Amino acid sequence: VQLVESGGGLVQAGGSLRLSCAVSGLTSEDYVIGWFRQAPGKEREGVSCIRSSDGRTYYTDSVKGRFTISADNAKNTVYLQMNSLKPEDTAVYYCSAERESLVVVLGSWMVVRARYDPARYPGAWGQGTQVTVSS
């Protein structure tokens, strides 16, 4: 699976951005696609994910009500609409994918996947896209 993130940029607090994750190399199986972020000096954390079979979603508490994840299965692209952005949302945002059959609980999967070291699991992550929110 190949993942390419785009859409990051510099925005003022309260502004919006829409990130895109283009996914290729998928089989006919259903997948869970997740967005993660890593701020300088902090560990990578899960932000949101979506299940392709039924559109079920998960959000970490800090983004609920502000971020919306969606998927265009025909384009193999997952979006993250980010509204009411805060300086603490500043981070490099990454997407990652997993076969749905291997994911039991969305939130738990995000915690485990966030710990995947890119050096050890390079195929698990895209190159990331920088989001900077100024105050």
Protein backbone atom coordinates (compact mmCIF):
# COMPACT_ATOMS: atom_id res chain seq x y z
CA VAL A 1 0.00 0.00 0.00
CA GLN A 2 1.28 3.45 -0.91
CA LEU A 3 0.06 6.56 0.88
CA VAL A 4 0.48 10.17 -0.27
CA GLU A 5 -0.66 13.01 1.97
CA SER A 6 -1.31 16.55 0.77
CA GLY A 7 -3.16 19.70 1.69
CA GLY A 8 -1.12 20.98 4.60
CA GLY A 9 -0.09 24.59 5.01
CA LEU A 10 0.05 27.63 7.23
CA VAL A 11 -3.22 28.93 8.60
CA GLN A 12 -4.29 31.31 11.36
CA ALA A 13 -6.04 30.05 14.44
CA GLY A 14 -9.71 29.53 13.72
CA GLY A 15 -9.04 28.74 10.08
CA SER A 16 -9.60 25.57 8.09
CA LEU A 17 -7.63 23.11 5.99
CA ARG A 18 -8.54 19.93 4.16
CA LEU A 19 -5.99 17.17 4.03
CA SER A 20 -6.03 14.41 1.43
CA CYS A 21 -4.60 10.91 1.65
CA ALA A 22 -4.34 9.17 -1.73
CA VAL A 23 -4.10 5.42 -1.29
CA SER A 24 -2.88 3.01 -3.95
CA GLY A 25 -2.03 -0.66 -4.02
CA LEU A 26 -5.16 -1.74 -2.20
CA THR A 27 -6.61 -5.16 -2.81
CA SER A 28 -10.34 -5.73 -3.03
CA GLU A 29 -10.50 -6.04 0.75
CA ASP A 30 -11.93 -3.35 2.95
CA TYR A 31 -9.51 -1.11 4.81
CA VAL A 32 -9.30 1.21 7.76
CA ILE A 33 -7.55 4.47 6.89
CA GLY A 34 -6.36 6.68 9.69
CA TRP A 35 -4.91 10.13 10.17
CA PHE A 36 -2.13 10.62 12.69
CA ARG A 37 -0.01 13.58 13.69
CA GLN A 38 3.33 14.25 15.29
CA ALA A 39 4.25 17.58 16.80
CA PRO A 40 7.89 18.52 17.44
CA GLY A 41 9.22 16.74 20.49
CA LYS A 42 6.06 14.70 20.93
CA GLU A 43 5.03 11.18 20.11
CA ARG A 44 2.86 10.40 17.13
CA GLU A 45 -0.83 10.28 18.03
CA GLY A 46 -3.97 9.08 16.33
CA VAL A 47 -6.40 11.76 15.16
CA SER A 48 -9.18 10.05 13.26
CA CYS A 49 -9.91 6.98 11.17
CA ILE A 50 -12.61 5.60 8.92
CA ARG A 51 -13.70 2.11 8.01
CA SER A 52 -14.27 1.63 4.29
CA SER A 53 -16.98 -1.02 4.54
CA ASP A 54 -19.52 1.06 6.43
CA GLY A 55 -18.00 4.50 6.94
CA ARG A 56 -17.75 4.09 10.69
CA THR A 57 -15.43 6.73 12.13
CA TYR A 58 -13.35 7.41 15.20
CA TYR A 59 -12.02 10.72 16.52
CA THR A 60 -9.67 11.47 19.33
CA ASP A 61 -11.28 13.71 21.94
CA SER A 62 -9.23 16.82 21.15
CA VAL A 63 -10.60 17.08 17.60
CA LYS A 64 -14.22 16.01 18.08
CA GLY A 65 -16.59 18.60 16.68
CA ARG A 66 -13.81 20.31 14.71
CA PHE A 67 -12.44 17.65 12.35
CA THR A 68 -14.38 15.46 9.93
CA ILE A 69 -12.99 12.43 8.14
CA SER A 70 -14.50 11.19 4.90
CA ALA A 71 -13.65 8.81 2.11
CA ASP A 72 -14.15 8.75 -1.64
CA ASN A 73 -13.80 5.05 -2.35
CA ALA A 74 -13.97 5.61 -6.12
CA LYS A 75 -10.88 7.84 -5.89
CA ASN A 76 -9.21 5.78 -3.14
CA THR A 77 -8.81 9.01 -1.21
CA VAL A 78 -9.51 9.86 2.42
CA TYR A 79 -9.98 13.44 3.50
CA LEU A 80 -9.61 15.20 6.82
CA GLN A 81 -11.54 18.46 7.00
CA MET A 82 -10.08 20.49 9.83
CA ASN A 83 -12.05 23.48 11.09
CA SER A 84 -11.54 25.84 14.03
CA LEU A 85 -7.86 25.05 13.99
CA LYS A 86 -5.81 25.75 17.08
CA PRO A 87 -2.06 26.29 17.49
CA GLU A 88 -1.89 22.95 19.29
CA ASP A 89 -3.00 21.26 16.05
CA THR A 90 0.38 22.17 14.57
CA ALA A 91 2.10 18.96 13.52
CA VAL A 92 3.10 16.80 10.61
CA TYR A 93 0.03 14.81 9.62
CA TYR A 94 0.37 11.27 8.30
CA CYS A 95 -2.05 8.65 7.07
CA SER A 96 -1.84 4.92 7.47
CA ALA A 97 -3.89 1.94 6.38
CA GLU A 98 -4.77 -1.51 7.62
CA ARG A 99 -6.95 -4.30 6.35
CA GLU A 100 -10.29 -4.03 8.08
CA SER A 101 -10.27 -7.72 8.97
CA LEU A 102 -7.28 -7.04 11.24
CA VAL A 103 -8.89 -4.14 13.12
CA VAL A 104 -11.19 -5.03 16.01
CA VAL A 105 -11.58 -1.67 17.73
CA LEU A 106 -10.83 1.52 15.80
CA GLY A 107 -9.52 3.48 18.77
CA SER A 108 -7.25 0.66 19.89
CA TRP A 109 -5.87 0.26 16.38
CA MET A 110 -4.95 3.94 16.31
CA VAL A 111 -3.05 3.66 19.59
CA VAL A 112 -1.08 0.66 18.35
CA ARG A 113 -0.44 2.02 14.87
CA ALA A 114 0.78 5.34 16.23
CA ARG A 115 3.66 3.46 17.84
CA TYR A 116 4.88 2.00 14.53
CA ASP A 117 8.39 3.34 14.09
CA PRO A 118 8.74 4.63 10.51
CA ALA A 119 12.32 3.38 10.44
CA ARG A 120 11.15 -0.15 11.19
CA TYR A 121 7.85 0.00 9.29
CA PRO A 122 8.47 2.44 6.40
CA GLY A 123 5.56 1.08 4.40
CA ALA A 124 3.09 1.96 7.12
CA TRP A 125 3.35 5.72 6.57
CA GLY A 126 3.24 8.32 3.86
CA GLN A 127 5.69 11.20 3.75
CA GLY A 128 3.41 13.44 5.79
CA THR A 129 2.12 16.95 5.28
CA GLN A 130 2.94 19.88 7.55
CA VAL A 131 0.13 21.79 9.23
CA THR A 132 1.09 24.99 11.02
CA VAL A 133 -1.48 27.02 12.91
CA SER A 134 -0.41 30.49 13.98
CA SER A 135 -1.93 32.25 16.97
